Every structure is written in structure tokens, then in C-alpha cells.
Amino acid sequence: MNHQLTPSDTRDAVAVLVLRLGLIWFLFLWAIHKLLATGQYQSLARNVDKIEIDATTVQIIGVVQIAVLFLALVGILRPFTYGAMAATHAFTISRQWERYIDPFEISARGFPVNRNVAISAAAMCAFIALLLLIRRDHFSIGGWLRRKWSDQWWL
């Protein structure tokens, strides 16, 4: 089942690669900060989720996220790893849904306080696009395996 890439396939694959790398970098920053600024995430859990979480748990979550991001980087088990990335971001969005009601809110000091929700919404759209474009993701191990040997959905 050795499929050669057409110029259109190659262009699409480059676009998906850029999208994938950008989204991985976006989540990697948050994951690595769980290791570098553990207390901030404990505070978020306490103040936003109303739960207490110990530093070790925050760090374990960060390490698991980094492992998933590495698998996504090389493109292994793409539906699962890309889906996990999207689910992670969807969880973040679900924790701040009330901020989407007034994205134009300005603080007393004149700062747009909900500006980041627009970024979060755009990123969520990008995660959905990555999942929808998975068959165009040729520049990954999973894409290569699918082209070479099989049309299995989990590759």
C-alpha cells in the first residue's frame, strides 16, 4: 500500500505539521510550567476548582502531559494523542466558561481582563482542525506507517 505524496498532499502535510507543532508548543509551555511553577497550579486548583492538590500530583500531571506531547510530536497513536491534547484544552476552557460571556470586559485600570479567552477559543478551533485533518498528516510516524502498510485508523 505504498502511496506516493502528490504536491497537494505535501502542501497539506506541511500545513498540518505547522498546526501540530504550534499546538504542541502551546500545550508544552503549560505542561513544563507545572514542573517549574508547581505552586501556581496548586493555587489554581484551590481557587478555581475548589480542590486541594499536592505538588507531586501537579508534577505527575505535567510529566504525563509532556509524554503525550512527545508522542504527538512524532505522530504516534495520533487519534489518541491529538484527542488528549484537545481534551486537555477543552478542560481548561470549561473551567473559565463564564469569562466567555463578556470577552470585552475592561478592568478598573483599563486592562482587557478576558482577552485570553479569545486566544483559548481560537486554540480550541485549531485542536478541532488538527483532529479533522488527521488523514492529511503525512509528516508523522503514524502518517508514514499508514501510507506504507495499512489504513488502520489508530495510526
C-alpha atoms as a PDB file:
ATOM      1  CA  MET A   1       0.000   0.000   0.000  1.00  0.00           C
ATOM      2  CA  ASN A   2       2.863   2.369  -0.783  1.00  0.00           C
ATOM      3  CA  HIS A   3       1.213   5.743  -1.537  1.00  0.00           C
ATOM      4  CA  GLN A   4       3.345   8.492  -3.028  1.00  0.00           C
ATOM      5  CA  LEU A   5       2.545  12.030  -1.945  1.00  0.00           C
ATOM      6  CA  THR A   6       1.303  14.426  -4.603  1.00  0.00           C
ATOM      7  CA  PRO A   7       2.330  18.086  -4.457  1.00  0.00           C
ATOM      8  CA  SER A   8      -1.095  18.821  -2.959  1.00  0.00           C
ATOM      9  CA  ASP A   9      -0.591  16.103  -0.339  1.00  0.00           C
ATOM     10  CA  THR A  10       2.804  17.567   0.523  1.00  0.00           C
ATOM     11  CA  ARG A  11       1.408  21.099   0.877  1.00  0.00           C
ATOM     12  CA  ASP A  12      -1.405  19.824   3.101  1.00  0.00           C
ATOM     13  CA  ALA A  13       1.054  17.783   5.159  1.00  0.00           C
ATOM     14  CA  VAL A  14       3.265  20.834   5.725  1.00  0.00           C
ATOM     15  CA  ALA A  15       0.226  22.835   6.849  1.00  0.00           C
ATOM     16  CA  VAL A  16      -0.829  20.100   9.281  1.00  0.00           C
ATOM     17  CA  LEU A  17       2.746  19.785  10.557  1.00  0.00           C
ATOM     18  CA  VAL A  18       2.876  23.523  11.275  1.00  0.00           C
ATOM     19  CA  LEU A  19      -0.512  23.309  13.026  1.00  0.00           C
ATOM     20  CA  ARG A  20       0.566  20.270  15.051  1.00  0.00           C
ATOM     21  CA  LEU A  21       3.895  21.788  16.111  1.00  0.00           C
ATOM     22  CA  GLY A  22       2.237  25.062  17.102  1.00  0.00           C
ATOM     23  CA  LEU A  23      -0.366  23.322  19.237  1.00  0.00           C
ATOM     24  CA  ILE A  24       2.231  21.097  20.865  1.00  0.00           C
ATOM     25  CA  TRP A  25       4.323  24.150  21.756  1.00  0.00           C
ATOM     26  CA  PHE A  26       1.194  25.894  23.119  1.00  0.00           C
ATOM     27  CA  LEU A  27       0.467  22.980  25.492  1.00  0.00           C
ATOM     28  CA  PHE A  28       4.130  22.240  26.243  1.00  0.00           C
ATOM     29  CA  LEU A  29       4.525  25.670  27.838  1.00  0.00           C
ATOM     30  CA  TRP A  30       1.657  24.906  30.218  1.00  0.00           C
ATOM     31  CA  ALA A  31       2.935  21.394  30.942  1.00  0.00           C
ATOM     32  CA  ILE A  32       6.515  22.458  31.676  1.00  0.00           C
ATOM     33  CA  HIS A  33       5.256  25.232  33.946  1.00  0.00           C
ATOM     34  CA  LYS A  34       3.607  22.553  36.077  1.00  0.00           C
ATOM     35  CA  LEU A  35       7.148  21.414  36.848  1.00  0.00           C
ATOM     36  CA  LEU A  36       8.672  24.886  37.162  1.00  0.00           C
ATOM     37  CA  ALA A  37       5.852  26.702  38.980  1.00  0.00           C
ATOM     38  CA  THR A  38       4.026  23.906  40.797  1.00  0.00           C
ATOM     39  CA  GLY A  39       2.621  26.245  43.439  1.00  0.00           C
ATOM     40  CA  GLN A  40       0.786  28.303  40.836  1.00  0.00           C
ATOM     41  CA  TYR A  41      -1.110  25.214  39.690  1.00  0.00           C
ATOM     42  CA  GLN A  42      -1.883  24.227  43.264  1.00  0.00           C
ATOM     43  CA  SER A  43      -3.310  27.716  43.740  1.00  0.00           C
ATOM     44  CA  LEU A  44      -5.371  27.431  40.549  1.00  0.00           C
ATOM     45  CA  ALA A  45      -6.797  24.101  41.682  1.00  0.00           C
ATOM     46  CA  ARG A  46      -7.632  25.574  45.075  1.00  0.00           C
ATOM     47  CA  ASN A  47      -9.186  28.812  43.781  1.00  0.00           C
ATOM     48  CA  VAL A  48     -10.774  27.707  40.506  1.00  0.00           C
ATOM     49  CA  ASP A  49     -11.613  24.032  41.036  1.00  0.00           C
ATOM     50  CA  LYS A  50     -12.057  24.272  44.820  1.00  0.00           C
ATOM     51  CA  ILE A  51      -9.813  21.262  45.431  1.00  0.00           C
ATOM     52  CA  GLU A  52      -6.500  20.758  47.192  1.00  0.00           C
ATOM     53  CA  ILE A  53      -3.806  19.061  45.140  1.00  0.00           C
ATOM     54  CA  ASP A  54      -0.308  18.261  46.329  1.00  0.00           C
ATOM     55  CA  ALA A  55       2.838  19.326  44.463  1.00  0.00           C
ATOM     56  CA  THR A  56       3.745  15.779  43.462  1.00  0.00           C
ATOM     57  CA  THR A  57       0.376  15.291  41.753  1.00  0.00           C
ATOM     58  CA  VAL A  58       0.796  18.542  39.813  1.00  0.00           C
ATOM     59  CA  GLN A  59       4.246  17.401  38.700  1.00  0.00           C
ATOM     60  CA  ILE A  60       2.972  13.951  37.682  1.00  0.00           C
ATOM     61  CA  ILE A  61       0.252  15.611  35.591  1.00  0.00           C
ATOM     62  CA  GLY A  62       2.921  17.756  33.941  1.00  0.00           C
ATOM     63  CA  VAL A  63       5.126  14.737  33.164  1.00  0.00           C
ATOM     64  CA  VAL A  64       2.168  12.787  31.712  1.00  0.00           C
ATOM     65  CA  GLN A  65       1.245  15.787  29.561  1.00  0.00           C
ATOM     66  CA  ILE A  66       4.823  16.074  28.307  1.00  0.00           C
ATOM     67  CA  ALA A  67       4.848  12.350  27.462  1.00  0.00           C
ATOM     68  CA  VAL A  68       1.612  12.705  25.462  1.00  0.00           C
ATOM     69  CA  LEU A  69       3.040  15.762  23.700  1.00  0.00           C
ATOM     70  CA  PHE A  70       6.168  13.814  22.748  1.00  0.00           C
ATOM     71  CA  LEU A  71       4.018  11.063  21.224  1.00  0.00           C
ATOM     72  CA  ALA A  72       2.056  13.736  19.341  1.00  0.00           C
ATOM     73  CA  LEU A  73       5.296  15.360  18.201  1.00  0.00           C
ATOM     74  CA  VAL A  74       6.435  12.218  16.430  1.00  0.00           C
ATOM     75  CA  GLY A  75       2.872  11.309  15.454  1.00  0.00           C
ATOM     76  CA  ILE A  76       2.319   8.026  17.247  1.00  0.00           C
ATOM     77  CA  LEU A  77      -1.260   6.951  18.065  1.00  0.00           C
ATOM     78  CA  ARG A  78      -2.436  10.226  16.579  1.00  0.00           C
ATOM     79  CA  PRO A  79      -6.195   9.995  17.275  1.00  0.00           C
ATOM     80  CA  PHE A  80      -5.439   9.350  20.939  1.00  0.00           C
ATOM     81  CA  THR A  81      -2.616  11.836  21.418  1.00  0.00           C
ATOM     82  CA  TYR A  82      -4.239  14.608  19.379  1.00  0.00           C
ATOM     83  CA  GLY A  83      -7.531  13.847  21.125  1.00  0.00           C
ATOM     84  CA  ALA A  84      -5.805  14.046  24.518  1.00  0.00           C
ATOM     85  CA  MET A  85      -4.376  17.431  23.556  1.00  0.00           C
ATOM     86  CA  ALA A  86      -7.832  18.669  22.561  1.00  0.00           C
ATOM     87  CA  ALA A  87      -9.410  17.240  25.723  1.00  0.00           C
ATOM     88  CA  THR A  88      -6.776  18.913  27.899  1.00  0.00           C
ATOM     89  CA  HIS A  89      -7.522  22.266  26.322  1.00  0.00           C
ATOM     90  CA  ALA A  90     -11.286  21.686  26.457  1.00  0.00           C
ATOM     91  CA  PHE A  91     -10.928  21.076  30.207  1.00  0.00           C
ATOM     92  CA  THR A  92      -9.133  24.400  30.554  1.00  0.00           C
ATOM     93  CA  ILE A  93     -11.878  26.167  28.630  1.00  0.00           C
ATOM     94  CA  SER A  94     -14.617  24.520  30.692  1.00  0.00           C
ATOM     95  CA  ARG A  95     -13.050  25.950  33.856  1.00  0.00           C
ATOM     96  CA  GLN A  96     -13.471  29.539  32.633  1.00  0.00           C
ATOM     97  CA  TRP A  97     -16.724  29.418  30.670  1.00  0.00           C
ATOM     98  CA  GLU A  98     -18.166  32.442  32.466  1.00  0.00           C
ATOM     99  CA  ARG A  99     -15.397  34.624  31.009  1.00  0.00           C
ATOM    100  CA  TYR A 100     -16.746  33.929  27.503  1.00  0.00           C
ATOM    101  CA  ILE A 101     -19.937  35.800  28.388  1.00  0.00           C
ATOM    102  CA  ASP A 102     -18.090  39.134  28.414  1.00  0.00           C
ATOM    103  CA  PRO A 103     -14.907  38.880  26.347  1.00  0.00           C
ATOM    104  CA  PHE A 104     -14.736  42.688  26.133  1.00  0.00           C
ATOM    105  CA  GLU A 105     -14.646  43.334  29.894  1.00  0.00           C
ATOM    106  CA  ILE A 106     -12.187  46.068  30.924  1.00  0.00           C
ATOM    107  CA  SER A 107     -10.794  46.258  34.455  1.00  0.00           C
ATOM    108  CA  ALA A 108     -10.867  49.409  36.570  1.00  0.00           C
ATOM    109  CA  ARG A 109      -7.253  50.001  35.481  1.00  0.00           C
ATOM    110  CA  GLY A 110      -8.212  49.797  31.786  1.00  0.00           C
ATOM    111  CA  PHE A 111      -6.864  46.306  31.124  1.00  0.00           C
ATOM    112  CA  PRO A 112      -8.864  43.845  28.962  1.00  0.00           C
ATOM    113  CA  VAL A 113      -9.261  41.085  31.556  1.00  0.00           C
ATOM    114  CA  ASN A 114     -10.839  38.415  29.335  1.00  0.00           C
ATOM    115  CA  ARG A 115      -8.619  38.801  26.279  1.00  0.00           C
ATOM    116  CA  ASN A 116      -7.071  35.374  26.787  1.00  0.00           C
ATOM    117  CA  VAL A 117     -10.414  33.643  26.318  1.00  0.00           C
ATOM    118  CA  ALA A 118     -10.350  34.701  22.673  1.00  0.00           C
ATOM    119  CA  ILE A 119      -6.950  33.040  22.380  1.00  0.00           C
ATOM    120  CA  SER A 120      -8.307  29.933  24.123  1.00  0.00           C
ATOM    121  CA  ALA A 121     -11.281  29.738  21.770  1.00  0.00           C
ATOM    122  CA  ALA A 122      -9.041  30.104  18.713  1.00  0.00           C
ATOM    123  CA  ALA A 123      -6.717  27.400  20.045  1.00  0.00           C
ATOM    124  CA  MET A 124      -9.679  25.059  20.617  1.00  0.00           C
ATOM    125  CA  CYS A 125     -10.715  25.576  16.995  1.00  0.00           C
ATOM    126  CA  ALA A 126      -7.155  24.689  15.958  1.00  0.00           C
ATOM    127  CA  PHE A 127      -7.260  21.473  18.023  1.00  0.00           C
ATOM    128  CA  ILE A 128     -10.516  20.503  16.318  1.00  0.00           C
ATOM    129  CA  ALA A 129      -8.972  21.282  12.916  1.00  0.00           C
ATOM    130  CA  LEU A 130      -5.962  19.073  13.741  1.00  0.00           C
ATOM    131  CA  LEU A 131      -8.281  16.173  14.537  1.00  0.00           C
ATOM    132  CA  LEU A 132     -10.284  16.729  11.344  1.00  0.00           C
ATOM    133  CA  LEU A 133      -7.109  16.876   9.245  1.00  0.00           C
ATOM    134  CA  ILE A 134      -5.516  13.750  10.689  1.00  0.00           C
ATOM    135  CA  ARG A 135      -5.692  11.950   7.307  1.00  0.00           C
ATOM    136  CA  ARG A 136      -3.649  14.808   5.794  1.00  0.00           C
ATOM    137  CA  ASP A 137      -0.970  14.459   8.491  1.00  0.00           C
ATOM    138  CA  HIS A 138       1.609  12.670   6.365  1.00  0.00           C
ATOM    139  CA  PHE A 139       4.738  14.004   8.120  1.00  0.00           C
ATOM    140  CA  SER A 140       4.441  11.861  11.232  1.00  0.00           C
ATOM    141  CA  ILE A 141       5.332   8.291  12.077  1.00  0.00           C
ATOM    142  CA  GLY A 142       1.642   7.370  12.069  1.00  0.00           C
ATOM    143  CA  GLY A 143       1.127   9.006   8.675  1.00  0.00           C
ATOM    144  CA  TRP A 144       4.167   7.228   7.265  1.00  0.00           C
ATOM    145  CA  LEU A 145       3.029   3.854   8.646  1.00  0.00           C
ATOM    146  CA  ARG A 146      -0.468   4.367   7.253  1.00  0.00           C
ATOM    147  CA  ARG A 147       0.918   5.177   3.797  1.00  0.00           C
ATOM    148  CA  LYS A 148       3.376   2.266   3.819  1.00  0.00           C
ATOM    149  CA  TRP A 149       1.496  -0.620   5.354  1.00  0.00           C
ATOM    150  CA  SER A 150      -2.030  -0.034   6.447  1.00  0.00           C
ATOM    151  CA  ASP A 151      -5.058   2.176   6.512  1.00  0.00           C
ATOM    152  CA  GLN A 152      -5.701   1.496  10.201  1.00  0.00           C
ATOM    153  CA  TRP A 153      -7.426   4.384  11.972  1.00  0.00           C
ATOM    154  CA  TRP A 154      -5.182   4.274  15.070  1.00  0.00           C
ATOM    155  CA  LEU A 155      -2.023   5.034  13.123  1.00  0.00           C
END
